[in-house]
């Protein structure tokens, strides 16, 4: 049984709990360690249930809570090009260096894949026990073949929908920051997220989690409507054919499992 529970998503901290048959993994640990513990508890999970942490990249909203894992011995999986940065910041972490190639961990096949973002070597992850598949890609500057391949044909998808283009361009961010966000190493807007989903959703896909929304430059209803309308044009009805949840900053999401929504 595959379970997925977003603990936090966005600039306030990114962390997603996944579980395959009792093996729990965190995708990032960007919340404070105390918040991670509280939100895991609210999802019916304890720290002892965490077998490892998969780090997408070294930006603070993805690694803030790693310090709490220093004494736990929980392995932290980090791409070798980002390992030095994280190891220097959090001395004593049980870091396992990975490359962008698949590996097995407690019966779970973990496939890292490169994503275009302005970090040392940012990753998305595809996880499977041979049956169910969950794939995640946040902080995606543009749609690439590697991202499409990594997300394609998953039961549960976590995809970035960071900003609404009109809100960003008319907003109060300085122009330099706006250029970074819309650049090839920045973030996906709602329309780009919709285009990506059109390319990766298959009949097996049951749930889509729209992640990393900007509080300044997006609205949950805008993200949902943009994606839902784009999918409808492809014959996919939101809430009928597929479940869509928009993850909110600073909030734990629902607990999902393949086959039912709790």
C-alpha atoms as a PDB file:
ATOM      1  CA  UNK A   1       0.000   0.000   0.000  1.00  0.00           C
ATOM      2  CA  UNK A   2       1.341   3.402  -1.018  1.00  0.00           C
ATOM      3  CA  UNK A   3       0.622   6.347   1.286  1.00  0.00           C
ATOM      4  CA  UNK A   4       1.525   9.971   0.672  1.00  0.00           C
ATOM      5  CA  UNK A   5       1.068  12.876   3.066  1.00  0.00           C
ATOM      6  CA  UNK A   6       2.360  16.387   2.272  1.00  0.00           C
ATOM      7  CA  UNK A   7       3.615  17.941   5.513  1.00  0.00           C
ATOM      8  CA  UNK A   8       4.424  21.337   3.998  1.00  0.00           C
ATOM      9  CA  UNK A   9       4.889  22.908   0.588  1.00  0.00           C
ATOM     10  CA  UNK A  10       6.283  26.259  -0.520  1.00  0.00           C
ATOM     11  CA  UNK A  11       8.815  28.812   0.633  1.00  0.00           C
ATOM     12  CA  UNK A  12       7.884  28.164   4.283  1.00  0.00           C
ATOM     13  CA  UNK A  13       9.197  24.638   3.969  1.00  0.00           C
ATOM     14  CA  UNK A  14       8.822  21.545   1.794  1.00  0.00           C
ATOM     15  CA  UNK A  15       8.389  18.036   3.158  1.00  0.00           C
ATOM     16  CA  UNK A  16       6.363  15.069   1.910  1.00  0.00           C
ATOM     17  CA  UNK A  17       5.937  11.765   3.712  1.00  0.00           C
ATOM     18  CA  UNK A  18       5.705   8.620   1.603  1.00  0.00           C
ATOM     19  CA  UNK A  19       5.255   5.040   2.743  1.00  0.00           C
ATOM     20  CA  UNK A  20       5.466   1.720   0.946  1.00  0.00           C
ATOM     21  CA  UNK A  21       4.466  -1.271   3.043  1.00  0.00           C
ATOM     22  CA  UNK A  22       5.661   0.256   6.297  1.00  0.00           C
ATOM     23  CA  UNK A  23       8.862   1.810   4.915  1.00  0.00           C
ATOM     24  CA  UNK A  24       8.607   5.565   5.417  1.00  0.00           C
ATOM     25  CA  UNK A  25      10.611   8.108   3.438  1.00  0.00           C
ATOM     26  CA  UNK A  26      10.621  11.894   3.542  1.00  0.00           C
ATOM     27  CA  UNK A  27      11.017  13.877   0.351  1.00  0.00           C
ATOM     28  CA  UNK A  28      12.926  16.893   1.704  1.00  0.00           C
ATOM     29  CA  UNK A  29      12.915  18.203   5.261  1.00  0.00           C
ATOM     30  CA  UNK A  30      12.450  21.932   4.801  1.00  0.00           C
ATOM     31  CA  UNK A  31      10.181  22.509   7.796  1.00  0.00           C
ATOM     32  CA  UNK A  32      11.615  22.920  11.270  1.00  0.00           C
ATOM     33  CA  UNK A  33      12.342  19.582  12.907  1.00  0.00           C
ATOM     34  CA  UNK A  34       9.680  20.230  15.548  1.00  0.00           C
ATOM     35  CA  UNK A  35       7.068  20.920  12.848  1.00  0.00           C
ATOM     36  CA  UNK A  36       8.039  17.753  11.007  1.00  0.00           C
ATOM     37  CA  UNK A  37       7.501  15.724  14.188  1.00  0.00           C
ATOM     38  CA  UNK A  38       4.147  17.392  14.932  1.00  0.00           C
ATOM     39  CA  UNK A  39       2.804  16.916  11.434  1.00  0.00           C
ATOM     40  CA  UNK A  40       4.009  13.338  11.223  1.00  0.00           C
ATOM     41  CA  UNK A  41       2.219  12.660  14.513  1.00  0.00           C
ATOM     42  CA  UNK A  42      -0.961  14.240  13.119  1.00  0.00           C
ATOM     43  CA  UNK A  43      -0.678  11.815  10.201  1.00  0.00           C
ATOM     44  CA  UNK A  44      -0.279   8.876  12.572  1.00  0.00           C
ATOM     45  CA  UNK A  45       3.456   8.504  11.995  1.00  0.00           C
ATOM     46  CA  UNK A  46       6.423   8.688  14.364  1.00  0.00           C
ATOM     47  CA  UNK A  47      10.069   9.500  13.731  1.00  0.00           C
ATOM     48  CA  UNK A  48      10.925   5.830  14.221  1.00  0.00           C
ATOM     49  CA  UNK A  49       8.883   5.153  11.083  1.00  0.00           C
ATOM     50  CA  UNK A  50      11.243   7.253   8.925  1.00  0.00           C
ATOM     51  CA  UNK A  51      13.777   5.047   7.154  1.00  0.00           C
ATOM     52  CA  UNK A  52      15.423   7.794   5.099  1.00  0.00           C
ATOM     53  CA  UNK A  53      15.234  11.342   3.755  1.00  0.00           C
ATOM     54  CA  UNK A  54      15.582  12.126   0.047  1.00  0.00           C
ATOM     55  CA  UNK A  55      16.888  15.656  -0.541  1.00  0.00           C
ATOM     56  CA  UNK A  56      15.969  17.348  -3.814  1.00  0.00           C
ATOM     57  CA  UNK A  57      18.442  20.233  -3.475  1.00  0.00           C
ATOM     58  CA  UNK A  58      20.213  22.452  -0.972  1.00  0.00           C
ATOM     59  CA  UNK A  59      17.931  25.505  -0.812  1.00  0.00           C
ATOM     60  CA  UNK A  60      16.903  26.284   2.750  1.00  0.00           C
ATOM     61  CA  UNK A  61      13.181  25.599   2.302  1.00  0.00           C
ATOM     62  CA  UNK A  62      14.106  21.995   1.489  1.00  0.00           C
ATOM     63  CA  UNK A  63      16.716  21.270   4.185  1.00  0.00           C
ATOM     64  CA  UNK A  64      15.934  23.416   7.260  1.00  0.00           C
ATOM     65  CA  UNK A  65      14.869  20.461   9.398  1.00  0.00           C
ATOM     66  CA  UNK A  66      17.817  18.199   8.622  1.00  0.00           C
ATOM     67  CA  UNK A  67      19.629  19.299  11.787  1.00  0.00           C
ATOM     68  CA  UNK A  68      17.179  17.262  13.861  1.00  0.00           C
ATOM     69  CA  UNK A  69      18.295  14.089  12.133  1.00  0.00           C
ATOM     70  CA  UNK A  70      21.953  14.462  13.148  1.00  0.00           C
ATOM     71  CA  UNK A  71      21.684  12.083  16.122  1.00  0.00           C
ATOM     72  CA  UNK A  72      19.034   9.806  14.687  1.00  0.00           C
ATOM     73  CA  UNK A  73      21.219   7.907  12.244  1.00  0.00           C
ATOM     74  CA  UNK A  74      18.511   8.134   9.584  1.00  0.00           C
ATOM     75  CA  UNK A  75      20.308   8.115   6.212  1.00  0.00           C
ATOM     76  CA  UNK A  76      20.027  11.345   4.239  1.00  0.00           C
ATOM     77  CA  UNK A  77      20.263  10.758   0.488  1.00  0.00           C
ATOM     78  CA  UNK A  78      21.890  13.700  -1.309  1.00  0.00           C
ATOM     79  CA  UNK A  79      23.270  14.042  -4.812  1.00  0.00           C
ATOM     80  CA  UNK A  80      27.053  13.957  -4.708  1.00  0.00           C
ATOM     81  CA  UNK A  81      27.271  17.469  -6.166  1.00  0.00           C
ATOM     82  CA  UNK A  82      25.228  18.903  -3.284  1.00  0.00           C
ATOM     83  CA  UNK A  83      26.575  16.662  -0.514  1.00  0.00           C
ATOM     84  CA  UNK A  84      29.514  18.870   0.416  1.00  0.00           C
ATOM     85  CA  UNK A  85      27.304  21.922   0.944  1.00  0.00           C
ATOM     86  CA  UNK A  86      24.809  20.042   3.094  1.00  0.00           C
ATOM     87  CA  UNK A  87      27.493  18.130   4.973  1.00  0.00           C
ATOM     88  CA  UNK A  88      29.263  21.358   5.900  1.00  0.00           C
ATOM     89  CA  UNK A  89      26.053  22.977   7.100  1.00  0.00           C
ATOM     90  CA  UNK A  90      24.818  19.998   9.106  1.00  0.00           C
ATOM     91  CA  UNK A  91      27.839  18.183  10.469  1.00  0.00           C
ATOM     92  CA  UNK A  92      27.129  14.703  11.767  1.00  0.00           C
ATOM     93  CA  UNK A  93      24.414  13.854   9.261  1.00  0.00           C
ATOM     94  CA  UNK A  94      24.417  10.303   7.976  1.00  0.00           C
ATOM     95  CA  UNK A  95      24.794  11.364   4.346  1.00  0.00           C
ATOM     96  CA  UNK A  96      24.655   8.852   1.529  1.00  0.00           C
ATOM     97  CA  UNK A  97      25.822  10.292  -1.769  1.00  0.00           C
ATOM     98  CA  UNK A  98      23.759   9.386  -4.797  1.00  0.00           C
ATOM     99  CA  UNK A  99      23.978  10.046  -8.509  1.00  0.00           C
ATOM    100  CA  UNK A 100      21.222  10.474 -11.043  1.00  0.00           C
ATOM    101  CA  UNK A 101      20.765   6.729 -11.370  1.00  0.00           C
ATOM    102  CA  UNK A 102      18.249   4.339  -9.783  1.00  0.00           C
ATOM    103  CA  UNK A 103      18.993   2.469  -6.557  1.00  0.00           C
ATOM    104  CA  UNK A 104      17.119   0.139  -4.196  1.00  0.00           C
ATOM    105  CA  UNK A 105      16.382   0.836  -0.542  1.00  0.00           C
ATOM    106  CA  UNK A 106      14.353  -1.557   1.645  1.00  0.00           C
ATOM    107  CA  UNK A 107      12.604  -2.929  -1.426  1.00  0.00           C
ATOM    108  CA  UNK A 108      11.799   0.476  -2.879  1.00  0.00           C
ATOM    109  CA  UNK A 109      13.203   1.403  -6.267  1.00  0.00           C
ATOM    110  CA  UNK A 110      14.241   5.062  -6.095  1.00  0.00           C
ATOM    111  CA  UNK A 111      14.957   6.844  -9.348  1.00  0.00           C
ATOM    112  CA  UNK A 112      16.387  10.373  -9.074  1.00  0.00           C
ATOM    113  CA  UNK A 113      16.061  12.555 -12.155  1.00  0.00           C
ATOM    114  CA  UNK A 114      17.496  15.964 -12.928  1.00  0.00           C
ATOM    115  CA  UNK A 115      15.280  19.035 -12.841  1.00  0.00           C
ATOM    116  CA  UNK A 116      16.120  22.489 -14.235  1.00  0.00           C
ATOM    117  CA  UNK A 117      16.545  24.800 -11.240  1.00  0.00           C
ATOM    118  CA  UNK A 118      19.221  27.168  -9.975  1.00  0.00           C
ATOM    119  CA  UNK A 119      20.824  24.829  -7.453  1.00  0.00           C
ATOM    120  CA  UNK A 120      23.937  22.645  -7.336  1.00  0.00           C
ATOM    121  CA  UNK A 121      22.279  19.547  -8.810  1.00  0.00           C
ATOM    122  CA  UNK A 122      18.509  19.566  -8.179  1.00  0.00           C
ATOM    123  CA  UNK A 123      16.529  16.349  -8.370  1.00  0.00           C
ATOM    124  CA  UNK A 124      13.029  14.989  -8.687  1.00  0.00           C
ATOM    125  CA  UNK A 125      12.265  11.504  -7.424  1.00  0.00           C
ATOM    126  CA  UNK A 126      10.288   8.515  -8.675  1.00  0.00           C
ATOM    127  CA  UNK A 127       9.541   5.816  -6.083  1.00  0.00           C
ATOM    128  CA  UNK A 128       7.999   2.405  -6.611  1.00  0.00           C
ATOM    129  CA  UNK A 129       7.687  -0.942  -4.875  1.00  0.00           C
ATOM    130  CA  UNK A 130       7.079  -2.617  -8.225  1.00  0.00           C
ATOM    131  CA  UNK A 131       3.355  -1.908  -8.056  1.00  0.00           C
ATOM    132  CA  UNK A 132       2.403   1.618  -7.020  1.00  0.00           C
ATOM    133  CA  UNK A 133       4.385   4.671  -8.151  1.00  0.00           C
ATOM    134  CA  UNK A 134       4.716   8.154  -6.668  1.00  0.00           C
ATOM    135  CA  UNK A 135       6.733  10.820  -8.465  1.00  0.00           C
ATOM    136  CA  UNK A 136       7.564  14.365  -7.435  1.00  0.00           C
ATOM    137  CA  UNK A 137       9.120  17.395  -9.110  1.00  0.00           C
ATOM    138  CA  UNK A 138       9.042  20.813  -7.501  1.00  0.00           C
ATOM    139  CA  UNK A 139      11.212  23.894  -8.215  1.00  0.00           C
ATOM    140  CA  UNK A 140      11.127  23.173 -11.943  1.00  0.00           C
ATOM    141  CA  UNK A 141      12.372  25.988 -14.165  1.00  0.00           C
ATOM    142  CA  UNK A 142      10.974  24.545 -17.379  1.00  0.00           C
ATOM    143  CA  UNK A 143       9.577  21.325 -18.780  1.00  0.00           C
ATOM    144  CA  UNK A 144      12.355  18.982 -19.862  1.00  0.00           C
ATOM    145  CA  UNK A 145      12.392  15.499 -21.311  1.00  0.00           C
ATOM    146  CA  UNK A 146      13.979  14.184 -18.130  1.00  0.00           C
ATOM    147  CA  UNK A 147      11.179  15.632 -15.997  1.00  0.00           C
ATOM    148  CA  UNK A 148       8.499  14.192 -18.280  1.00  0.00           C
ATOM    149  CA  UNK A 149      10.138  10.761 -18.188  1.00  0.00           C
ATOM    150  CA  UNK A 150      10.522  10.868 -14.408  1.00  0.00           C
ATOM    151  CA  UNK A 151       6.871  11.746 -13.787  1.00  0.00           C
ATOM    152  CA  UNK A 152       5.203   9.720 -16.538  1.00  0.00           C
ATOM    153  CA  UNK A 153       2.688   6.977 -15.620  1.00  0.00           C
ATOM    154  CA  UNK A 154       2.552   7.467 -11.830  1.00  0.00           C
ATOM    155  CA  UNK A 155      -0.282   6.685  -9.412  1.00  0.00           C
ATOM    156  CA  UNK A 156       0.327   9.879  -7.428  1.00  0.00           C
ATOM    157  CA  UNK A 157       1.995  12.975  -8.873  1.00  0.00           C
ATOM    158  CA  UNK A 158       3.465  15.962  -7.027  1.00  0.00           C
ATOM    159  CA  UNK A 159       4.023  18.811  -9.474  1.00  0.00           C
ATOM    160  CA  UNK A 160       4.928  22.451  -8.957  1.00  0.00           C
ATOM    161  CA  UNK A 161       2.415  25.201  -9.808  1.00  0.00           C
ATOM    162  CA  UNK A 162       4.291  28.142  -8.330  1.00  0.00           C
ATOM    163  CA  UNK A 163       2.759  31.294  -9.781  1.00  0.00           C
ATOM    164  CA  UNK A 164       0.115  32.892 -11.940  1.00  0.00           C
ATOM    165  CA  UNK A 165       1.834  34.823 -14.715  1.00  0.00           C
ATOM    166  CA  UNK A 166      -0.417  37.892 -14.488  1.00  0.00           C
ATOM    167  CA  UNK A 167      -0.125  38.082 -10.707  1.00  0.00           C
ATOM    168  CA  UNK A 168       3.661  37.831 -10.857  1.00  0.00           C
ATOM    169  CA  UNK A 169       4.124  40.419 -13.602  1.00  0.00           C
ATOM    170  CA  UNK A 170       1.772  42.892 -11.894  1.00  0.00           C
ATOM    171  CA  UNK A 171       3.033  42.156  -8.410  1.00  0.00           C
ATOM    172  CA  UNK A 172       5.453  43.917  -6.121  1.00  0.00           C
ATOM    173  CA  UNK A 173       8.467  41.621  -6.503  1.00  0.00           C
ATOM    174  CA  UNK A 174      11.575  43.417  -7.801  1.00  0.00           C
ATOM    175  CA  UNK A 175      12.248  42.861 -11.499  1.00  0.00           C
ATOM    176  CA  UNK A 176      15.411  40.892 -10.809  1.00  0.00           C
ATOM    177  CA  UNK A 177      13.451  38.362  -8.728  1.00  0.00           C
ATOM    178  CA  UNK A 178      10.677  38.193 -11.321  1.00  0.00           C
ATOM    179  CA  UNK A 179      13.244  37.381 -13.999  1.00  0.00           C
ATOM    180  CA  UNK A 180      14.679  34.618 -11.840  1.00  0.00           C
ATOM    181  CA  UNK A 181      11.259  33.057 -11.228  1.00  0.00           C
ATOM    182  CA  UNK A 182      10.215  33.035 -14.894  1.00  0.00           C
ATOM    183  CA  UNK A 183      13.677  31.995 -16.091  1.00  0.00           C
ATOM    184  CA  UNK A 184      14.663  28.518 -17.186  1.00  0.00           C
ATOM    185  CA  UNK A 185      16.087  27.754 -13.746  1.00  0.00           C
ATOM    186  CA  UNK A 186      13.225  29.218 -11.745  1.00  0.00           C
ATOM    187  CA  UNK A 187       9.697  27.901 -11.307  1.00  0.00           C
ATOM    188  CA  UNK A 188       6.677  26.676 -13.264  1.00  0.00           C
ATOM    189  CA  UNK A 189       3.547  28.806 -13.536  1.00  0.00           C
ATOM    190  CA  UNK A 190       0.055  27.327 -13.469  1.00  0.00           C
ATOM    191  CA  UNK A 191      -0.205  27.021 -17.252  1.00  0.00           C
ATOM    192  CA  UNK A 192       3.158  25.268 -17.529  1.00  0.00           C
ATOM    193  CA  UNK A 193       2.170  22.903 -14.717  1.00  0.00           C
ATOM    194  CA  UNK A 194      -1.010  22.097 -16.650  1.00  0.00           C
ATOM    195  CA  UNK A 195       0.995  21.452 -19.818  1.00  0.00           C
ATOM    196  CA  UNK A 196       3.367  19.158 -17.935  1.00  0.00           C
ATOM    197  CA  UNK A 197       0.485  17.195 -16.427  1.00  0.00           C
ATOM    198  CA  UNK A 198      -1.096  16.725 -19.847  1.00  0.00           C
ATOM    199  CA  UNK A 199       2.112  14.999 -20.906  1.00  0.00           C
ATOM    200  CA  UNK A 200       2.586  12.705 -17.896  1.00  0.00           C
ATOM    201  CA  UNK A 201      -0.902  11.687 -16.721  1.00  0.00           C
ATOM    202  CA  UNK A 202      -1.962   8.202 -17.815  1.00  0.00           C
ATOM    203  CA  UNK A 203      -4.996   6.044 -16.959  1.00  0.00           C
ATOM    204  CA  UNK A 204      -3.180   4.773 -13.852  1.00  0.00           C
ATOM    205  CA  UNK A 205      -2.834   8.292 -12.396  1.00  0.00           C
ATOM    206  CA  UNK A 206      -5.259   8.742  -9.520  1.00  0.00           C
ATOM    207  CA  UNK A 207      -4.123  11.856  -7.685  1.00  0.00           C
ATOM    208  CA  UNK A 208      -2.301  15.084  -8.472  1.00  0.00           C
ATOM    209  CA  UNK A 209      -0.880  17.338  -5.777  1.00  0.00           C
ATOM    210  CA  UNK A 210      -0.144  20.885  -6.945  1.00  0.00           C
ATOM    211  CA  UNK A 211       2.852  22.007  -4.918  1.00  0.00           C
ATOM    212  CA  UNK A 212       5.036  24.983  -4.036  1.00  0.00           C
ATOM    213  CA  UNK A 213       2.400  27.685  -4.602  1.00  0.00           C
ATOM    214  CA  UNK A 214       3.545  31.237  -4.027  1.00  0.00           C
ATOM    215  CA  UNK A 215       1.476  33.109  -1.439  1.00  0.00           C
ATOM    216  CA  UNK A 216       2.360  36.378  -3.185  1.00  0.00           C
ATOM    217  CA  UNK A 217       1.845  35.420  -6.825  1.00  0.00           C
ATOM    218  CA  UNK A 218      -0.764  32.681  -6.896  1.00  0.00           C
ATOM    219  CA  UNK A 219      -4.116  31.571  -5.488  1.00  0.00           C
ATOM    220  CA  UNK A 220      -5.192  27.974  -4.850  1.00  0.00           C
ATOM    221  CA  UNK A 221      -8.348  28.443  -6.924  1.00  0.00           C
ATOM    222  CA  UNK A 222      -6.348  29.858  -9.845  1.00  0.00           C
ATOM    223  CA  UNK A 223      -3.959  26.916  -9.821  1.00  0.00           C
ATOM    224  CA  UNK A 224      -6.797  24.412  -9.599  1.00  0.00           C
ATOM    225  CA  UNK A 225      -8.928  26.046 -12.293  1.00  0.00           C
ATOM    226  CA  UNK A 226      -6.020  26.434 -14.739  1.00  0.00           C
ATOM    227  CA  UNK A 227      -5.050  22.771 -14.410  1.00  0.00           C
ATOM    228  CA  UNK A 228      -8.622  21.462 -14.360  1.00  0.00           C
ATOM    229  CA  UNK A 229      -9.585  23.374 -17.518  1.00  0.00           C
ATOM    230  CA  UNK A 230      -6.477  22.191 -19.376  1.00  0.00           C
ATOM    231  CA  UNK A 231      -7.091  18.570 -18.414  1.00  0.00           C
ATOM    232  CA  UNK A 232     -10.761  18.805 -19.361  1.00  0.00           C
ATOM    233  CA  UNK A 233      -9.730  19.697 -22.909  1.00  0.00           C
ATOM    234  CA  UNK A 234      -7.889  16.367 -22.950  1.00  0.00           C
ATOM    235  CA  UNK A 235     -10.975  14.496 -21.742  1.00  0.00           C
ATOM    236  CA  UNK A 236      -9.868  14.258 -18.091  1.00  0.00           C
ATOM    237  CA  UNK A 237     -12.453  15.490 -15.564  1.00  0.00           C
ATOM    238  CA  UNK A 238     -11.093  16.787 -12.247  1.00  0.00           C
ATOM    239  CA  UNK A 239     -12.706  15.081  -9.242  1.00  0.00           C
ATOM    240  CA  UNK A 240     -14.332  12.499 -11.537  1.00  0.00           C
ATOM    241  CA  UNK A 241     -11.405  10.932 -13.361  1.00  0.00           C
ATOM    242  CA  UNK A 242      -8.651  12.254 -11.145  1.00  0.00           C
ATOM    243  CA  UNK A 243      -8.328  13.891  -7.716  1.00  0.00           C
ATOM    244  CA  UNK A 244      -6.508  17.218  -7.521  1.00  0.00           C
ATOM    245  CA  UNK A 245      -5.364  18.844  -4.283  1.00  0.00           C
ATOM    246  CA  UNK A 246      -3.695  22.236  -4.096  1.00  0.00           C
ATOM    247  CA  UNK A 247      -1.137  22.203  -1.292  1.00  0.00           C
ATOM    248  CA  UNK A 248      -1.143  25.299   0.900  1.00  0.00           C
ATOM    249  CA  UNK A 249       1.814  27.047   2.500  1.00  0.00           C
ATOM    250  CA  UNK A 250       2.435  26.002   6.068  1.00  0.00           C
ATOM    251  CA  UNK A 251      -0.299  23.364   6.185  1.00  0.00           C
ATOM    252  CA  UNK A 252      -0.312  19.582   6.289  1.00  0.00           C
ATOM    253  CA  UNK A 253      -2.222  18.043   3.417  1.00  0.00           C
ATOM    254  CA  UNK A 254      -4.470  15.010   3.383  1.00  0.00           C
ATOM    255  CA  UNK A 255      -3.219  11.442   3.745  1.00  0.00           C
ATOM    256  CA  UNK A 256      -3.542   9.652   0.420  1.00  0.00           C
ATOM    257  CA  UNK A 257      -3.307   5.998  -0.426  1.00  0.00           C
ATOM    258  CA  UNK A 258      -3.594   4.258  -3.760  1.00  0.00           C
ATOM    259  CA  UNK A 259      -7.191   3.185  -4.167  1.00  0.00           C
ATOM    260  CA  UNK A 260      -8.870   5.544  -1.710  1.00  0.00           C
ATOM    261  CA  UNK A 261      -8.732   9.016  -0.235  1.00  0.00           C
ATOM    262  CA  UNK A 262      -8.882   9.399   3.536  1.00  0.00           C
END
